[in-house]
Each structure stands twice: as structure tokens, then as C-alpha cells.
Amino acid sequence: MAALDWSQCPAVESVPGRLSGAWVFRDTRLPVSTVFENLEAGATVDEITEWFDISKERVIEVLQFAARSLDPAPLPVEPVPASPPDARSL
């Protein structure tokens, strides 16, 4: 997984001394990476929320943050100059 700046996501925290400072869901010991690992293995969001006793809203918030963070910035588009009128159209 690409490195994200998780410090910008309010749903997670990194606490020195808790799980070696791994990013976890705020006020839990559930590493964010666990969600991605289980999704990669084929689990659904509903299964993850049931297995790890975390709310669906929190999981979705983290997934949306990751998606926004990985979405490439839009490339500038140069305007295409209008082509001269075709002689047949005159």
C-alpha cells in the first residue's frame, strides 16, 4: 500500500507505545492495515465490522480518506484551438 499521511485522517491515531506506533482506529487497538489486508483477502466491509467490532462508518471514513489521498491530482488541460472552417461548410 502506498504511504499515506494518516495524520490528516481524524478517524485514526498513532500512539507511541501502542502497537509500536502503528496507525490504529482512534481509541482502539485495531490497526488500519488490518482493514486493507482483509479487504485484499476478499472480506467485505460488513464482515470486517463484525469480526473486529468497529463501526461501518469508521471503516468507510478510512477507506474514503485513502481513496481521496491516492486519487491523482487532475492534470491541467490545454484548450484545443478551434479549427478553421472547412471550405465545404461555407
PDB file of N, CA and C in Angstrom:
ATOM      1  N   MET A   1       0.847  -1.173   0.000  1.00  0.00           N
ATOM      2  CA  MET A   1       0.000   0.000   0.000  1.00  0.00           C
ATOM      3  C   MET A   1       0.891   1.234   0.000  1.00  0.00           C
ATOM      4  N   ALA A   2       0.508   2.214  -0.749  1.00  0.00           N
ATOM      5  CA  ALA A   2       1.272   3.457  -0.813  1.00  0.00           C
ATOM      6  C   ALA A   2       1.241   4.136   0.552  1.00  0.00           C
ATOM      7  N   ALA A   3       2.285   4.880   0.839  1.00  0.00           N
ATOM      8  CA  ALA A   3       2.349   5.591   2.110  1.00  0.00           C
ATOM      9  C   ALA A   3       1.408   6.785   2.076  1.00  0.00           C
ATOM     10  N   LEU A   4       0.491   6.829   3.034  1.00  0.00           N
ATOM     11  CA  LEU A   4      -0.451   7.933   3.138  1.00  0.00           C
ATOM     12  C   LEU A   4      -0.114   8.750   4.367  1.00  0.00           C
ATOM     13  N   ASP A   5      -0.504  10.003   4.373  1.00  0.00           N
ATOM     14  CA  ASP A   5      -0.324  10.855   5.545  1.00  0.00           C
ATOM     15  C   ASP A   5      -1.541  10.682   6.443  1.00  0.00           C
ATOM     16  N   TRP A   6      -1.528   9.595   7.210  1.00  0.00           N
ATOM     17  CA  TRP A   6      -2.665   9.273   8.061  1.00  0.00           C
ATOM     18  C   TRP A   6      -2.918  10.336   9.118  1.00  0.00           C
ATOM     19  N   SER A   7      -1.947  11.189   9.396  1.00  0.00           N
ATOM     20  CA  SER A   7      -2.149  12.234  10.415  1.00  0.00           C
ATOM     21  C   SER A   7      -3.264  13.190  10.018  1.00  0.00           C
ATOM     22  N   GLN A   8      -3.631  13.189   8.741  1.00  0.00           N
ATOM     23  CA  GLN A   8      -4.702  14.064   8.259  1.00  0.00           C
ATOM     24  C   GLN A   8      -6.087  13.407   8.338  1.00  0.00           C
ATOM     25  N   CYS A   9      -6.154  12.184   8.795  1.00  0.00           N
ATOM     26  CA  CYS A   9      -7.425  11.458   8.901  1.00  0.00           C
ATOM     27  C   CYS A   9      -7.883  11.456  10.358  1.00  0.00           C
ATOM     28  N   PRO A  10      -9.004  12.113  10.661  1.00  0.00           N
ATOM     29  CA  PRO A  10      -9.455  12.207  12.055  1.00  0.00           C
ATOM     30  C   PRO A  10      -9.917  10.885  12.663  1.00  0.00           C
ATOM     31  N   ALA A  11     -10.125   9.857  11.867  1.00  0.00           N
ATOM     32  CA  ALA A  11     -10.620   8.586  12.381  1.00  0.00           C
ATOM     33  C   ALA A  11      -9.519   7.702  12.959  1.00  0.00           C
ATOM     34  N   VAL A  12      -8.255   8.089  12.755  1.00  0.00           N
ATOM     35  CA  VAL A  12      -7.147   7.236  13.194  1.00  0.00           C
ATOM     36  C   VAL A  12      -6.164   8.013  14.060  1.00  0.00           C
ATOM     37  N   GLU A  13      -5.318   7.264  14.734  1.00  0.00           N
ATOM     38  CA  GLU A  13      -4.276   7.871  15.564  1.00  0.00           C
ATOM     39  C   GLU A  13      -3.081   6.936  15.644  1.00  0.00           C
ATOM     40  N   SER A  14      -1.956   7.516  15.964  1.00  0.00           N
ATOM     41  CA  SER A  14      -0.743   6.749  16.207  1.00  0.00           C
ATOM     42  C   SER A  14      -0.237   7.165  17.577  1.00  0.00           C
ATOM     43  N   VAL A  15      -0.178   6.204  18.482  1.00  0.00           N
ATOM     44  CA  VAL A  15       0.232   6.492  19.852  1.00  0.00           C
ATOM     45  C   VAL A  15       1.529   5.737  20.120  1.00  0.00           C
ATOM     46  N   PRO A  16       2.621   6.472  20.403  1.00  0.00           N
ATOM     47  CA  PRO A  16       3.871   5.783  20.718  1.00  0.00           C
ATOM     48  C   PRO A  16       3.648   4.792  21.868  1.00  0.00           C
ATOM     49  N   GLY A  17       4.147   3.601  21.708  1.00  0.00           N
ATOM     50  CA  GLY A  17       3.984   2.588  22.746  1.00  0.00           C
ATOM     51  C   GLY A  17       2.752   1.720  22.567  1.00  0.00           C
ATOM     52  N   ARG A  18       1.829   2.119  21.702  1.00  0.00           N
ATOM     53  CA  ARG A  18       0.653   1.285  21.417  1.00  0.00           C
ATOM     54  C   ARG A  18       0.847   0.677  20.040  1.00  0.00           C
ATOM     55  N   LEU A  19       0.992  -0.639  20.001  1.00  0.00           N
ATOM     56  CA  LEU A  19       1.227  -1.371  18.746  1.00  0.00           C
ATOM     57  C   LEU A  19       2.381  -0.769  17.954  1.00  0.00           C
ATOM     58  N   SER A  20       3.426  -0.441  18.643  1.00  0.00           N
ATOM     59  CA  SER A  20       4.652   0.107  18.034  1.00  0.00           C
ATOM     60  C   SER A  20       4.398   1.380  17.239  1.00  0.00           C
ATOM     61  N   GLY A  21       3.378   2.136  17.639  1.00  0.00           N
ATOM     62  CA  GLY A  21       3.087   3.395  16.966  1.00  0.00           C
ATOM     63  C   GLY A  21       2.348   3.244  15.656  1.00  0.00           C
ATOM     64  N   ALA A  22       1.835   2.035  15.380  1.00  0.00           N
ATOM     65  CA  ALA A  22       1.083   1.809  14.141  1.00  0.00           C
ATOM     66  C   ALA A  22      -0.170   2.677  14.135  1.00  0.00           C
ATOM     67  N   TRP A  23      -0.623   3.023  12.937  1.00  0.00           N
ATOM     68  CA  TRP A  23      -1.872   3.785  12.814  1.00  0.00           C
ATOM     69  C   TRP A  23      -3.031   2.857  13.126  1.00  0.00           C
ATOM     70  N   VAL A  24      -3.831   3.259  14.101  1.00  0.00           N
ATOM     71  CA  VAL A  24      -4.979   2.466  14.538  1.00  0.00           C
ATOM     72  C   VAL A  24      -6.229   3.337  14.499  1.00  0.00           C
ATOM     73  N   PHE A  25      -7.388   2.688  14.501  1.00  0.00           N
ATOM     74  CA  PHE A  25      -8.622   3.438  14.617  1.00  0.00           C
ATOM     75  C   PHE A  25      -8.625   4.125  15.981  1.00  0.00           C
ATOM     76  N   ARG A  26      -8.996   5.383  16.003  1.00  0.00           N
ATOM     77  CA  ARG A  26      -8.962   6.193  17.228  1.00  0.00           C
ATOM     78  C   ARG A  26      -9.649   5.458  18.373  1.00  0.00           C
ATOM     79  N   ASP A  27      -8.983   5.470  19.519  1.00  0.00           N
ATOM     80  CA  ASP A  27      -9.468   4.853  20.760  1.00  0.00           C
ATOM     81  C   ASP A  27      -9.626   3.334  20.671  1.00  0.00           C
ATOM     82  N   THR A  28      -8.860   2.701  19.779  1.00  0.00           N
ATOM     83  CA  THR A  28      -8.872   1.235  19.676  1.00  0.00           C
ATOM     84  C   THR A  28      -7.429   0.748  19.551  1.00  0.00           C
ATOM     85  N   ARG A  29      -7.301  -0.563  19.449  1.00  0.00           N
ATOM     86  CA  ARG A  29      -6.005  -1.164  19.141  1.00  0.00           C
ATOM     87  C   ARG A  29      -6.051  -1.847  17.774  1.00  0.00           C
ATOM     88  N   LEU A  30      -7.054  -1.483  16.963  1.00  0.00           N
ATOM     89  CA  LEU A  30      -7.218  -2.093  15.646  1.00  0.00           C
ATOM     90  C   LEU A  30      -6.412  -1.331  14.607  1.00  0.00           C
ATOM     91  N   PRO A  31      -5.358  -1.950  14.082  1.00  0.00           N
ATOM     92  CA  PRO A  31      -4.560  -1.279  13.061  1.00  0.00           C
ATOM     93  C   PRO A  31      -5.364  -1.034  11.783  1.00  0.00           C
ATOM     94  N   VAL A  32      -5.164   0.107  11.195  1.00  0.00           N
ATOM     95  CA  VAL A  32      -5.808   0.445   9.928  1.00  0.00           C
ATOM     96  C   VAL A  32      -5.422  -0.590   8.872  1.00  0.00           C
ATOM     97  N   SER A  33      -4.200  -1.046   8.910  1.00  0.00           N
ATOM     98  CA  SER A  33      -3.723  -2.024   7.920  1.00  0.00           C
ATOM     99  C   SER A  33      -4.552  -3.301   7.940  1.00  0.00           C
ATOM    100  N   THR A  34      -5.138  -3.649   9.074  1.00  0.00           N
ATOM    101  CA  THR A  34      -5.961  -4.858   9.169  1.00  0.00           C
ATOM    102  C   THR A  34      -7.148  -4.784   8.223  1.00  0.00           C
ATOM    103  N   VAL A  35      -7.745  -3.607   8.102  1.00  0.00           N
ATOM    104  CA  VAL A  35      -8.885  -3.444   7.194  1.00  0.00           C
ATOM    105  C   VAL A  35      -8.442  -3.702   5.760  1.00  0.00           C
ATOM    106  N   PHE A  36      -7.341  -3.091   5.364  1.00  0.00           N
ATOM    107  CA  PHE A  36      -6.873  -3.246   3.984  1.00  0.00           C
ATOM    108  C   PHE A  36      -6.436  -4.680   3.701  1.00  0.00           C
ATOM    109  N   GLU A  37      -5.792  -5.326   4.653  1.00  0.00           N
ATOM    110  CA  GLU A  37      -5.365  -6.711   4.469  1.00  0.00           C
ATOM    111  C   GLU A  37      -6.563  -7.635   4.287  1.00  0.00           C
ATOM    112  N   ASN A  38      -7.606  -7.411   5.083  1.00  0.00           N
ATOM    113  CA  ASN A  38      -8.798  -8.259   4.976  1.00  0.00           C
ATOM    114  C   ASN A  38      -9.574  -7.984   3.699  1.00  0.00           C
ATOM    115  N   LEU A  39      -9.650  -6.725   3.282  1.00  0.00           N
ATOM    116  CA  LEU A  39     -10.306  -6.416   2.011  1.00  0.00           C
ATOM    117  C   LEU A  39      -9.557  -7.078   0.859  1.00  0.00           C
ATOM    118  N   GLU A  40      -8.243  -7.007   0.921  1.00  0.00           N
ATOM    119  CA  GLU A  40      -7.412  -7.620  -0.116  1.00  0.00           C
ATOM    120  C   GLU A  40      -7.622  -9.138  -0.164  1.00  0.00           C
ATOM    121  N   ALA A  41      -7.901  -9.729   0.991  1.00  0.00           N
ATOM    122  CA  ALA A  41      -8.122 -11.176   1.064  1.00  0.00           C
ATOM    123  C   ALA A  41      -9.545 -11.565   0.663  1.00  0.00           C
ATOM    124  N   GLY A  42     -10.389 -10.558   0.354  1.00  0.00           N
ATOM    125  CA  GLY A  42     -11.731 -10.865  -0.126  1.00  0.00           C
ATOM    126  C   GLY A  42     -12.857 -10.613   0.855  1.00  0.00           C
ATOM    127  N   ALA A  43     -12.546 -10.112   2.044  1.00  0.00           N
ATOM    128  CA  ALA A  43     -13.589  -9.831   3.029  1.00  0.00           C
ATOM    129  C   ALA A  43     -14.395  -8.600   2.615  1.00  0.00           C
ATOM    130  N   THR A  44     -15.622  -8.528   3.093  1.00  0.00           N
ATOM    131  CA  THR A  44     -16.447  -7.353   2.843  1.00  0.00           C
ATOM    132  C   THR A  44     -16.331  -6.396   4.026  1.00  0.00           C
ATOM    133  N   VAL A  45     -16.766  -5.168   3.820  1.00  0.00           N
ATOM    134  CA  VAL A  45     -16.762  -4.190   4.914  1.00  0.00           C
ATOM    135  C   VAL A  45     -17.644  -4.694   6.052  1.00  0.00           C
ATOM    136  N   ASP A  46     -18.789  -5.265   5.721  1.00  0.00           N
ATOM    137  CA  ASP A  46     -19.685  -5.781   6.767  1.00  0.00           C
ATOM    138  C   ASP A  46     -19.015  -6.885   7.582  1.00  0.00           C
ATOM    139  N   GLU A  47     -18.290  -7.773   6.914  1.00  0.00           N
ATOM    140  CA  GLU A  47     -17.582  -8.837   7.644  1.00  0.00           C
ATOM    141  C   GLU A  47     -16.525  -8.243   8.560  1.00  0.00           C
ATOM    142  N   ILE A  48     -15.777  -7.282   8.069  1.00  0.00           N
ATOM    143  CA  ILE A  48     -14.717  -6.657   8.871  1.00  0.00           C
ATOM    144  C   ILE A  48     -15.305  -5.979  10.097  1.00  0.00           C
ATOM    145  N   THR A  49     -16.416  -5.268   9.919  1.00  0.00           N
ATOM    146  CA  THR A  49     -17.012  -4.578  11.067  1.00  0.00           C
ATOM    147  C   THR A  49     -17.512  -5.571  12.110  1.00  0.00           C
ATOM    148  N   GLU A  50     -17.988  -6.709  11.650  1.00  0.00           N
ATOM    149  CA  GLU A  50     -18.454  -7.738  12.580  1.00  0.00           C
ATOM    150  C   GLU A  50     -17.285  -8.412  13.293  1.00  0.00           C
ATOM    151  N   TRP A  51     -16.265  -8.796  12.541  1.00  0.00           N
ATOM    152  CA  TRP A  51     -15.124  -9.509  13.114  1.00  0.00           C
ATOM    153  C   TRP A  51     -14.337  -8.667  14.103  1.00  0.00           C
ATOM    154  N   PHE A  52     -14.203  -7.371  13.814  1.00  0.00           N
ATOM    155  CA  PHE A  52     -13.322  -6.534  14.623  1.00  0.00           C
ATOM    156  C   PHE A  52     -14.062  -5.516  15.487  1.00  0.00           C
ATOM    157  N   ASP A  53     -15.382  -5.629  15.540  1.00  0.00           N
ATOM    158  CA  ASP A  53     -16.207  -4.766  16.388  1.00  0.00           C
ATOM    159  C   ASP A  53     -15.868  -3.284  16.200  1.00  0.00           C
ATOM    160  N   ILE A  54     -15.947  -2.862  14.953  1.00  0.00           N
ATOM    161  CA  ILE A  54     -15.694  -1.461  14.588  1.00  0.00           C
ATOM    162  C   ILE A  54     -16.888  -1.016  13.750  1.00  0.00           C
ATOM    163  N   SER A  55     -17.257   0.243  13.859  1.00  0.00           N
ATOM    164  CA  SER A  55     -18.439   0.696  13.119  1.00  0.00           C
ATOM    165  C   SER A  55     -18.149   0.800  11.624  1.00  0.00           C
ATOM    166  N   LYS A  56     -19.194   0.545  10.864  1.00  0.00           N
ATOM    167  CA  LYS A  56     -19.088   0.630   9.415  1.00  0.00           C
ATOM    168  C   LYS A  56     -18.728   2.048   8.997  1.00  0.00           C
ATOM    169  N   GLU A  57     -19.265   3.041   9.684  1.00  0.00           N
ATOM    170  CA  GLU A  57     -18.977   4.445   9.367  1.00  0.00           C
ATOM    171  C   GLU A  57     -17.487   4.760   9.503  1.00  0.00           C
ATOM    172  N   ARG A  58     -16.864   4.218  10.543  1.00  0.00           N
ATOM    173  CA  ARG A  58     -15.426   4.481  10.739  1.00  0.00           C
ATOM    174  C   ARG A  58     -14.591   3.817   9.657  1.00  0.00           C
ATOM    175  N   VAL A  59     -14.968   2.600   9.287  1.00  0.00           N
ATOM    176  CA  VAL A  59     -14.233   1.899   8.225  1.00  0.00           C
ATOM    177  C   VAL A  59     -14.385   2.661   6.913  1.00  0.00           C
ATOM    178  N   ILE A  60     -15.590   3.070   6.611  1.00  0.00           N
ATOM    179  CA  ILE A  60     -15.833   3.805   5.363  1.00  0.00           C
ATOM    180  C   ILE A  60     -15.098   5.139   5.373  1.00  0.00           C
ATOM    181  N   GLU A  61     -15.052   5.805   6.514  1.00  0.00           N
ATOM    182  CA  GLU A  61     -14.316   7.073   6.600  1.00  0.00           C
ATOM    183  C   GLU A  61     -12.842   6.870   6.245  1.00  0.00           C
ATOM    184  N   VAL A  62     -12.248   5.793   6.743  1.00  0.00           N
ATOM    185  CA  VAL A  62     -10.846   5.497   6.457  1.00  0.00           C
ATOM    186  C   VAL A  62     -10.663   5.136   4.975  1.00  0.00           C
ATOM    187  N   LEU A  63     -11.577   4.355   4.428  1.00  0.00           N
ATOM    188  CA  LEU A  63     -11.485   3.986   3.008  1.00  0.00           C
ATOM    189  C   LEU A  63     -11.631   5.212   2.111  1.00  0.00           C
ATOM    190  N   GLN A  64     -12.545   6.100   2.454  1.00  0.00           N
ATOM    191  CA  GLN A  64     -12.727   7.317   1.661  1.00  0.00           C
ATOM    192  C   GLN A  64     -11.502   8.215   1.761  1.00  0.00           C
ATOM    193  N   PHE A  65     -10.915   8.316   2.949  1.00  0.00           N
ATOM    194  CA  PHE A  65      -9.694   9.112   3.108  1.00  0.00           C
ATOM    195  C   PHE A  65      -8.587   8.548   2.219  1.00  0.00           C
ATOM    196  N   ALA A  66      -8.423   7.229   2.247  1.00  0.00           N
ATOM    197  CA  ALA A  66      -7.376   6.604   1.436  1.00  0.00           C
ATOM    198  C   ALA A  66      -7.638   6.842  -0.046  1.00  0.00           C
ATOM    199  N   ALA A  67      -8.884   6.714  -0.463  1.00  0.00           N
ATOM    200  CA  ALA A  67      -9.218   6.916  -1.879  1.00  0.00           C
ATOM    201  C   ALA A  67      -8.921   8.355  -2.300  1.00  0.00           C
ATOM    202  N   ARG A  68      -9.302   9.318  -1.466  1.00  0.00           N
ATOM    203  CA  ARG A  68      -9.026  10.726  -1.798  1.00  0.00           C
ATOM    204  C   ARG A  68      -7.531  10.980  -1.844  1.00  0.00           C
ATOM    205  N   SER A  69      -6.801  10.379  -0.940  1.00  0.00           N
ATOM    206  CA  SER A  69      -5.356  10.609  -0.857  1.00  0.00           C
ATOM    207  C   SER A  69      -4.609  10.004  -2.034  1.00  0.00           C
ATOM    208  N   LEU A  70      -5.116   8.910  -2.563  1.00  0.00           N
ATOM    209  CA  LEU A  70      -4.441   8.226  -3.661  1.00  0.00           C
ATOM    210  C   LEU A  70      -4.922   8.693  -5.022  1.00  0.00           C
ATOM    211  N   ASP A  71      -6.008   9.450  -5.056  1.00  0.00           N
ATOM    212  CA  ASP A  71      -6.540   9.951  -6.320  1.00  0.00           C
ATOM    213  C   ASP A  71      -5.557  10.965  -6.877  1.00  0.00           C
ATOM    214  N   PRO A  72      -5.049  10.724  -8.072  1.00  0.00           N
ATOM    215  CA  PRO A  72      -4.062  11.659  -8.619  1.00  0.00           C
ATOM    216  C   PRO A  72      -4.688  13.028  -8.869  1.00  0.00           C
ATOM    217  N   ALA A  73      -3.875  14.034  -8.719  1.00  0.00           N
ATOM    218  CA  ALA A  73      -4.342  15.396  -8.982  1.00  0.00           C
ATOM    219  C   ALA A  73      -4.714  15.510 -10.450  1.00  0.00           C
ATOM    220  N   PRO A  74      -5.775  16.230 -10.734  1.00  0.00           N
ATOM    221  CA  PRO A  74      -6.153  16.375 -12.142  1.00  0.00           C
ATOM    222  C   PRO A  74      -5.069  17.103 -12.925  1.00  0.00           C
ATOM    223  N   LEU A  75      -4.848  16.641 -14.122  1.00  0.00           N
ATOM    224  CA  LEU A  75      -3.847  17.265 -14.983  1.00  0.00           C
ATOM    225  C   LEU A  75      -4.448  18.502 -15.639  1.00  0.00           C
ATOM    226  N   PRO A  76      -3.651  19.555 -15.785  1.00  0.00           N
ATOM    227  CA  PRO A  76      -4.187  20.727 -16.465  1.00  0.00           C
ATOM    228  C   PRO A  76      -4.479  20.382 -17.926  1.00  0.00           C
ATOM    229  N   VAL A  77      -5.574  20.902 -18.397  1.00  0.00           N
ATOM    230  CA  VAL A  77      -5.975  20.629 -19.774  1.00  0.00           C
ATOM    231  C   VAL A  77      -5.818  21.912 -20.574  1.00  0.00           C
ATOM    232  N   GLU A  78      -5.058  21.808 -21.660  1.00  0.00           N
ATOM    233  CA  GLU A  78      -4.882  22.974 -22.522  1.00  0.00           C
ATOM    234  C   GLU A  78      -6.057  23.052 -23.480  1.00  0.00           C
ATOM    235  N   PRO A  79      -6.587  24.245 -23.682  1.00  0.00           N
ATOM    236  CA  PRO A  79      -7.706  24.356 -24.614  1.00  0.00           C
ATOM    237  C   PRO A  79      -7.268  24.000 -26.024  1.00  0.00           C
ATOM    238  N   VAL A  80      -8.127  23.366 -26.741  1.00  0.00           N
ATOM    239  CA  VAL A  80      -7.854  22.985 -28.124  1.00  0.00           C
ATOM    240  C   VAL A  80      -8.321  24.141 -29.007  1.00  0.00           C
ATOM    241  N   PRO A  81      -7.419  24.668 -29.834  1.00  0.00           N
ATOM    242  CA  PRO A  81      -7.833  25.781 -30.686  1.00  0.00           C
ATOM    243  C   PRO A  81      -8.897  25.322 -31.684  1.00  0.00           C
ATOM    244  N   ALA A  82      -9.820  26.215 -31.937  1.00  0.00           N
ATOM    245  CA  ALA A  82     -10.878  25.897 -32.901  1.00  0.00           C
ATOM    246  C   ALA A  82     -10.248  25.749 -34.271  1.00  0.00           C
ATOM    247  N   SER A  83     -10.683  24.753 -34.984  1.00  0.00           N
ATOM    248  CA  SER A  83     -10.124  24.557 -36.321  1.00  0.00           C
ATOM    249  C   SER A  83     -10.797  25.528 -37.285  1.00  0.00           C
ATOM    250  N   PRO A  84     -10.064  25.936 -38.307  1.00  0.00           N
ATOM    251  CA  PRO A  84     -10.659  26.875 -39.278  1.00  0.00           C
ATOM    252  C   PRO A  84     -11.828  26.209 -39.977  1.00  0.00           C
ATOM    253  N   PRO A  85     -12.796  26.994 -40.421  1.00  0.00           N
ATOM    254  CA  PRO A  85     -13.946  26.382 -41.082  1.00  0.00           C
ATOM    255  C   PRO A  85     -13.505  25.627 -42.317  1.00  0.00           C
ATOM    256  N   ASP A  86     -14.146  24.541 -42.529  1.00  0.00           N
ATOM    257  CA  ASP A  86     -13.900  23.698 -43.694  1.00  0.00           C
ATOM    258  C   ASP A  86     -14.518  24.389 -44.920  1.00  0.00           C
ATOM    259  N   ALA A  87     -13.812  24.368 -46.016  1.00  0.00           N
ATOM    260  CA  ALA A  87     -14.283  25.034 -47.239  1.00  0.00           C
ATOM    261  C   ALA A  87     -15.636  24.475 -47.664  1.00  0.00           C
ATOM    262  N   ARG A  88     -15.874  23.202 -47.344  1.00  0.00           N
ATOM    263  CA  ARG A  88     -17.156  22.609 -47.737  1.00  0.00           C
ATOM    264  C   ARG A  88     -18.306  23.153 -46.904  1.00  0.00           C
ATOM    265  N   SER A  89     -18.016  23.704 -45.733  1.00  0.00           N
ATOM    266  CA  SER A  89     -19.093  24.184 -44.878  1.00  0.00           C
ATOM    267  C   SER A  89     -19.477  25.630 -45.211  1.00  0.00           C
ATOM    268  N   LEU A  90     -18.772  26.271 -46.131  1.00  0.00           N
ATOM    269  CA  LEU A  90     -19.086  27.649 -46.471  1.00  0.00           C
ATOM    270  C   LEU A  90     -20.094  27.755 -47.552  1.00  0.00           C
TER     271      LEU A  90
END
